[in-house]
């Protein structure tokens, strides 16, 4: 077999699942219920965030919080302050792709 196969977990409970972490890319699957999210932090790579379901509420640097519905894809530059939350009843499911892979 030439290809490598990876699987993600299906569910509705809080999850931060590091599906792929190699020298090329980090591929992270996240699920958050209402009022869950990530602690405020700075992006350690350029990242692409895909909303699979629910509504993402995200504050970047000093901007107001913006909301993004399912099937939205955000490109967030390296070293951007991020505040990622689910402020809605519906479960939020995301894919975060970091490229290039962070060196730390």
N, C-alpha and C. Protein backbone atom coordinates (compact mmCIF):
# COMPACT_ATOMS: atom_id res chain seq x y z
N UNK A 1 0.83 -1.17 0.00
CA UNK A 1 0.00 0.00 0.00
C UNK A 1 0.89 1.25 0.00
N UNK A 2 0.67 2.13 -0.92
CA UNK A 2 1.45 3.37 -1.01
C UNK A 2 0.89 4.42 -0.06
N UNK A 3 -0.42 4.52 0.01
CA UNK A 3 -1.05 5.58 0.80
C UNK A 3 -1.05 5.24 2.29
N UNK A 4 -1.08 6.29 3.09
CA UNK A 4 -1.30 6.14 4.52
C UNK A 4 -2.74 6.58 4.78
N UNK A 5 -3.42 5.86 5.62
CA UNK A 5 -4.82 6.15 5.91
C UNK A 5 -4.94 6.61 7.36
N UNK A 6 -5.66 7.69 7.56
CA UNK A 6 -5.91 8.23 8.89
C UNK A 6 -7.42 8.26 9.11
N UNK A 7 -7.83 8.18 10.37
CA UNK A 7 -9.25 8.21 10.70
C UNK A 7 -9.50 9.25 11.78
N UNK A 8 -10.65 9.89 11.69
CA UNK A 8 -11.07 10.84 12.71
C UNK A 8 -12.20 10.21 13.51
N UNK A 9 -12.36 10.67 14.74
CA UNK A 9 -13.40 10.18 15.61
C UNK A 9 -14.69 10.97 15.39
N UNK A 10 -15.79 10.26 15.28
CA UNK A 10 -17.10 10.91 15.15
C UNK A 10 -17.68 11.07 16.54
N UNK A 11 -18.31 12.22 16.79
CA UNK A 11 -18.92 12.40 18.09
C UNK A 11 -19.44 13.80 18.30
N UNK A 12 -19.90 14.04 19.53
CA UNK A 12 -20.42 15.35 19.90
C UNK A 12 -19.75 15.91 21.15
N UNK A 13 -18.90 15.13 21.79
CA UNK A 13 -18.22 15.57 23.00
C UNK A 13 -16.92 16.29 22.65
N UNK A 14 -16.50 17.18 23.57
CA UNK A 14 -15.28 17.95 23.38
C UNK A 14 -14.12 17.03 22.97
N UNK A 15 -13.42 17.46 21.92
CA UNK A 15 -12.31 16.66 21.42
C UNK A 15 -11.32 17.55 20.70
N UNK A 16 -10.06 17.32 20.94
CA UNK A 16 -8.98 17.91 20.15
C UNK A 16 -8.11 16.73 19.74
N UNK A 17 -8.26 16.33 18.50
CA UNK A 17 -7.66 15.10 18.00
C UNK A 17 -6.58 15.43 16.97
N UNK A 18 -5.34 15.15 17.30
CA UNK A 18 -4.21 15.40 16.39
C UNK A 18 -4.12 14.22 15.43
N UNK A 19 -4.75 14.37 14.29
CA UNK A 19 -4.87 13.27 13.33
C UNK A 19 -3.54 13.03 12.62
N UNK A 20 -2.90 14.10 12.15
CA UNK A 20 -1.60 13.99 11.48
C UNK A 20 -0.68 15.06 12.07
N UNK A 21 0.51 14.64 12.46
CA UNK A 21 1.54 15.58 12.89
C UNK A 21 2.86 15.07 12.37
N UNK A 22 3.26 15.59 11.22
CA UNK A 22 4.56 15.21 10.67
C UNK A 22 5.31 16.47 10.25
N UNK A 23 6.41 16.31 9.55
CA UNK A 23 7.25 17.45 9.17
C UNK A 23 6.60 18.35 8.12
N UNK A 24 5.53 17.89 7.49
CA UNK A 24 4.88 18.65 6.43
C UNK A 24 3.68 19.45 6.90
N UNK A 25 2.86 18.84 7.74
CA UNK A 25 1.58 19.44 8.09
C UNK A 25 1.11 18.92 9.45
N UNK A 26 0.32 19.74 10.13
CA UNK A 26 -0.43 19.29 11.29
C UNK A 26 -1.91 19.39 10.91
N UNK A 27 -2.64 18.32 11.11
CA UNK A 27 -4.05 18.21 10.76
C UNK A 27 -4.79 17.85 12.04
N UNK A 28 -5.60 18.79 12.53
CA UNK A 28 -6.21 18.64 13.85
C UNK A 28 -7.73 18.71 13.72
N UNK A 29 -8.41 17.77 14.32
CA UNK A 29 -9.87 17.67 14.32
C UNK A 29 -10.35 18.12 15.70
N UNK A 30 -11.31 19.06 15.76
CA UNK A 30 -11.79 19.60 17.03
C UNK A 30 -13.31 19.59 17.07
N UNK A 31 -13.84 19.27 18.25
CA UNK A 31 -15.28 19.34 18.49
C UNK A 31 -15.49 20.08 19.81
N UNK A 32 -16.40 21.06 19.78
CA UNK A 32 -16.71 21.84 20.98
C UNK A 32 -18.22 21.98 21.14
N UNK A 33 -18.69 21.75 22.37
CA UNK A 33 -20.08 22.05 22.72
C UNK A 33 -20.19 23.53 23.06
N UNK A 34 -21.40 23.98 23.36
CA UNK A 34 -21.63 25.39 23.70
C UNK A 34 -20.73 25.82 24.85
N UNK A 35 -20.15 27.02 24.69
CA UNK A 35 -19.27 27.66 25.67
C UNK A 35 -17.91 26.97 25.83
N UNK A 36 -17.58 26.05 24.94
CA UNK A 36 -16.25 25.43 24.95
C UNK A 36 -15.41 26.06 23.84
N UNK A 37 -14.12 25.86 23.92
CA UNK A 37 -13.22 26.37 22.89
C UNK A 37 -11.79 26.17 23.32
N UNK A 38 -10.91 27.02 22.79
CA UNK A 38 -9.48 26.96 23.09
C UNK A 38 -9.10 28.14 23.97
N UNK A 39 -8.08 27.99 24.80
CA UNK A 39 -7.58 29.16 25.51
C UNK A 39 -7.00 30.16 24.50
N UNK A 40 -7.05 31.45 24.83
CA UNK A 40 -6.47 32.45 23.94
C UNK A 40 -5.00 32.12 23.74
N UNK A 41 -4.56 32.19 22.48
CA UNK A 41 -3.18 31.85 22.15
C UNK A 41 -2.81 32.50 20.82
N UNK A 42 -1.53 32.41 20.46
CA UNK A 42 -1.04 32.92 19.18
C UNK A 42 -0.81 31.74 18.24
N UNK A 43 -1.18 31.92 16.97
CA UNK A 43 -0.97 30.86 15.98
C UNK A 43 0.53 30.63 15.80
N UNK A 44 0.94 29.37 15.77
CA UNK A 44 2.36 29.04 15.63
C UNK A 44 2.73 28.63 14.21
N UNK A 45 1.83 28.90 13.27
CA UNK A 45 2.04 28.61 11.84
C UNK A 45 0.91 29.32 11.10
N UNK A 46 1.01 29.43 9.79
CA UNK A 46 -0.17 29.80 9.01
C UNK A 46 -1.14 28.65 9.15
N UNK A 47 -2.40 28.96 9.39
CA UNK A 47 -3.34 27.85 9.53
C UNK A 47 -4.60 28.11 8.73
N UNK A 48 -5.21 27.01 8.36
CA UNK A 48 -6.46 27.01 7.62
C UNK A 48 -7.48 26.31 8.49
N UNK A 49 -8.57 26.98 8.79
CA UNK A 49 -9.58 26.46 9.69
C UNK A 49 -10.87 26.25 8.91
N UNK A 50 -11.34 25.02 8.86
CA UNK A 50 -12.57 24.66 8.15
C UNK A 50 -13.66 24.34 9.16
N UNK A 51 -14.79 25.02 9.04
CA UNK A 51 -15.95 24.76 9.89
C UNK A 51 -16.76 23.65 9.22
N UNK A 52 -16.83 22.49 9.86
CA UNK A 52 -17.59 21.37 9.31
C UNK A 52 -19.06 21.42 9.70
N UNK A 53 -19.31 21.81 10.95
CA UNK A 53 -20.71 21.97 11.40
C UNK A 53 -20.72 22.95 12.56
N UNK A 54 -21.87 23.56 12.76
CA UNK A 54 -22.02 24.56 13.80
C UNK A 54 -21.57 25.93 13.34
N UNK A 55 -21.33 26.82 14.31
CA UNK A 55 -20.91 28.18 14.04
C UNK A 55 -19.69 28.50 14.88
N UNK A 56 -18.62 28.89 14.23
CA UNK A 56 -17.39 29.29 14.89
C UNK A 56 -17.48 30.76 15.28
N UNK A 57 -17.18 31.05 16.54
CA UNK A 57 -17.04 32.44 17.00
C UNK A 57 -15.56 32.63 17.29
N UNK A 58 -14.92 33.57 16.57
CA UNK A 58 -13.47 33.71 16.71
C UNK A 58 -13.09 35.19 16.74
N UNK A 59 -12.25 35.52 17.70
CA UNK A 59 -11.66 36.85 17.79
C UNK A 59 -10.20 36.75 17.40
N UNK A 60 -9.78 37.59 16.47
CA UNK A 60 -8.39 37.59 16.00
C UNK A 60 -7.74 38.92 16.31
N UNK A 61 -6.56 38.87 16.91
CA UNK A 61 -5.85 40.07 17.38
C UNK A 61 -6.82 40.93 18.17
N UNK A 62 -6.99 42.18 17.80
CA UNK A 62 -7.87 43.08 18.58
C UNK A 62 -9.22 43.29 17.90
N UNK A 63 -9.54 42.49 16.89
CA UNK A 63 -10.82 42.61 16.19
C UNK A 63 -11.97 42.11 17.06
N UNK A 64 -13.17 42.57 16.73
CA UNK A 64 -14.38 42.04 17.34
C UNK A 64 -14.50 40.56 16.97
N UNK A 65 -15.27 39.83 17.75
CA UNK A 65 -15.53 38.42 17.45
C UNK A 65 -16.38 38.34 16.18
N UNK A 66 -15.95 37.51 15.25
CA UNK A 66 -16.71 37.24 14.03
C UNK A 66 -17.23 35.82 14.11
N UNK A 67 -18.33 35.58 13.38
CA UNK A 67 -18.97 34.27 13.37
C UNK A 67 -18.92 33.69 11.96
N UNK A 68 -18.64 32.39 11.89
CA UNK A 68 -18.53 31.71 10.60
C UNK A 68 -19.33 30.42 10.65
N UNK A 69 -20.18 30.24 9.66
CA UNK A 69 -21.05 29.08 9.56
C UNK A 69 -20.31 27.90 8.93
N UNK A 70 -20.97 26.74 8.95
CA UNK A 70 -20.43 25.53 8.34
C UNK A 70 -20.05 25.77 6.89
N UNK A 71 -18.99 25.14 6.48
CA UNK A 71 -18.40 25.20 5.14
C UNK A 71 -17.60 26.47 4.88
N UNK A 72 -17.37 27.25 5.94
CA UNK A 72 -16.47 28.40 5.83
C UNK A 72 -15.04 27.92 6.05
N UNK A 73 -14.10 28.52 5.34
CA UNK A 73 -12.68 28.22 5.50
C UNK A 73 -11.96 29.53 5.76
N UNK A 74 -11.23 29.58 6.87
CA UNK A 74 -10.48 30.78 7.24
C UNK A 74 -8.99 30.51 7.06
N UNK A 75 -8.27 31.49 6.56
CA UNK A 75 -6.81 31.45 6.53
C UNK A 75 -6.34 32.46 7.57
N UNK A 76 -5.56 31.99 8.54
CA UNK A 76 -5.12 32.84 9.64
C UNK A 76 -3.60 32.89 9.61
N UNK A 77 -3.01 34.09 9.56
CA UNK A 77 -1.55 34.22 9.46
C UNK A 77 -0.83 33.77 10.73
N UNK A 78 0.43 33.44 10.56
CA UNK A 78 1.33 33.11 11.66
C UNK A 78 1.35 34.23 12.69
N UNK A 79 1.41 33.88 13.96
CA UNK A 79 1.57 34.81 15.08
C UNK A 79 0.35 35.74 15.27
N UNK A 80 -0.83 35.25 14.95
CA UNK A 80 -2.07 35.99 15.17
C UNK A 80 -2.68 35.54 16.49
N UNK A 81 -3.08 36.49 17.33
CA UNK A 81 -3.76 36.15 18.58
C UNK A 81 -5.14 35.62 18.24
N UNK A 82 -5.49 34.48 18.84
CA UNK A 82 -6.74 33.80 18.50
C UNK A 82 -7.53 33.49 19.76
N UNK A 83 -8.84 33.68 19.66
CA UNK A 83 -9.76 33.30 20.71
C UNK A 83 -10.90 32.51 20.05
N UNK A 84 -10.85 31.20 20.14
CA UNK A 84 -11.75 30.29 19.43
C UNK A 84 -12.80 29.77 20.39
N UNK A 85 -14.08 29.96 20.05
CA UNK A 85 -15.17 29.53 20.94
C UNK A 85 -16.38 29.03 20.15
N UNK A 86 -17.19 28.22 20.84
CA UNK A 86 -18.53 27.89 20.36
C UNK A 86 -19.51 28.59 21.30
N UNK A 87 -20.19 29.60 20.83
CA UNK A 87 -21.14 30.35 21.64
C UNK A 87 -22.58 29.94 21.37
N UNK A 88 -22.76 28.90 20.55
CA UNK A 88 -24.10 28.48 20.12
C UNK A 88 -24.45 27.10 20.66
N UNK A 89 -25.74 26.78 20.60
CA UNK A 89 -26.23 25.48 21.08
C UNK A 89 -25.72 24.31 20.25
N UNK A 90 -25.67 24.51 18.91
CA UNK A 90 -25.24 23.43 18.02
C UNK A 90 -23.76 23.12 18.24
N UNK A 91 -23.40 21.85 18.18
CA UNK A 91 -22.01 21.42 18.31
C UNK A 91 -21.19 22.04 17.19
N UNK A 92 -19.98 22.51 17.53
CA UNK A 92 -19.04 23.07 16.56
C UNK A 92 -17.98 22.02 16.25
N UNK A 93 -17.77 21.76 14.96
CA UNK A 93 -16.74 20.81 14.54
C UNK A 93 -15.84 21.50 13.52
N UNK A 94 -14.54 21.42 13.76
CA UNK A 94 -13.53 22.11 12.94
C UNK A 94 -12.43 21.17 12.49
N UNK A 95 -11.81 21.53 11.39
CA UNK A 95 -10.52 20.97 10.99
C UNK A 95 -9.54 22.14 10.97
N UNK A 96 -8.40 21.96 11.61
CA UNK A 96 -7.33 22.97 11.57
C UNK A 96 -6.14 22.33 10.89
N UNK A 97 -5.70 22.99 9.83
CA UNK A 97 -4.55 22.54 9.05
C UNK A 97 -3.44 23.56 9.22
N UNK A 98 -2.31 23.15 9.78
CA UNK A 98 -1.17 24.03 9.96
C UNK A 98 -0.12 23.69 8.91
N UNK A 99 0.18 24.68 8.06
CA UNK A 99 1.15 24.46 6.99
C UNK A 99 1.94 25.76 6.76
N UNK A 100 3.25 25.69 6.85
CA UNK A 100 4.03 24.48 7.15
C UNK A 100 3.84 24.05 8.60
N UNK A 101 4.22 22.83 8.88
CA UNK A 101 4.12 22.32 10.25
C UNK A 101 4.98 23.19 11.16
N UNK A 102 4.47 23.51 12.35
CA UNK A 102 5.26 24.31 13.30
C UNK A 102 6.56 23.60 13.65
N UNK A 103 7.59 24.38 13.90
CA UNK A 103 8.89 23.82 14.22
C UNK A 103 9.10 23.60 15.71
N UNK A 104 8.14 24.02 16.54
CA UNK A 104 8.32 23.85 17.99
C UNK A 104 7.50 22.71 18.52
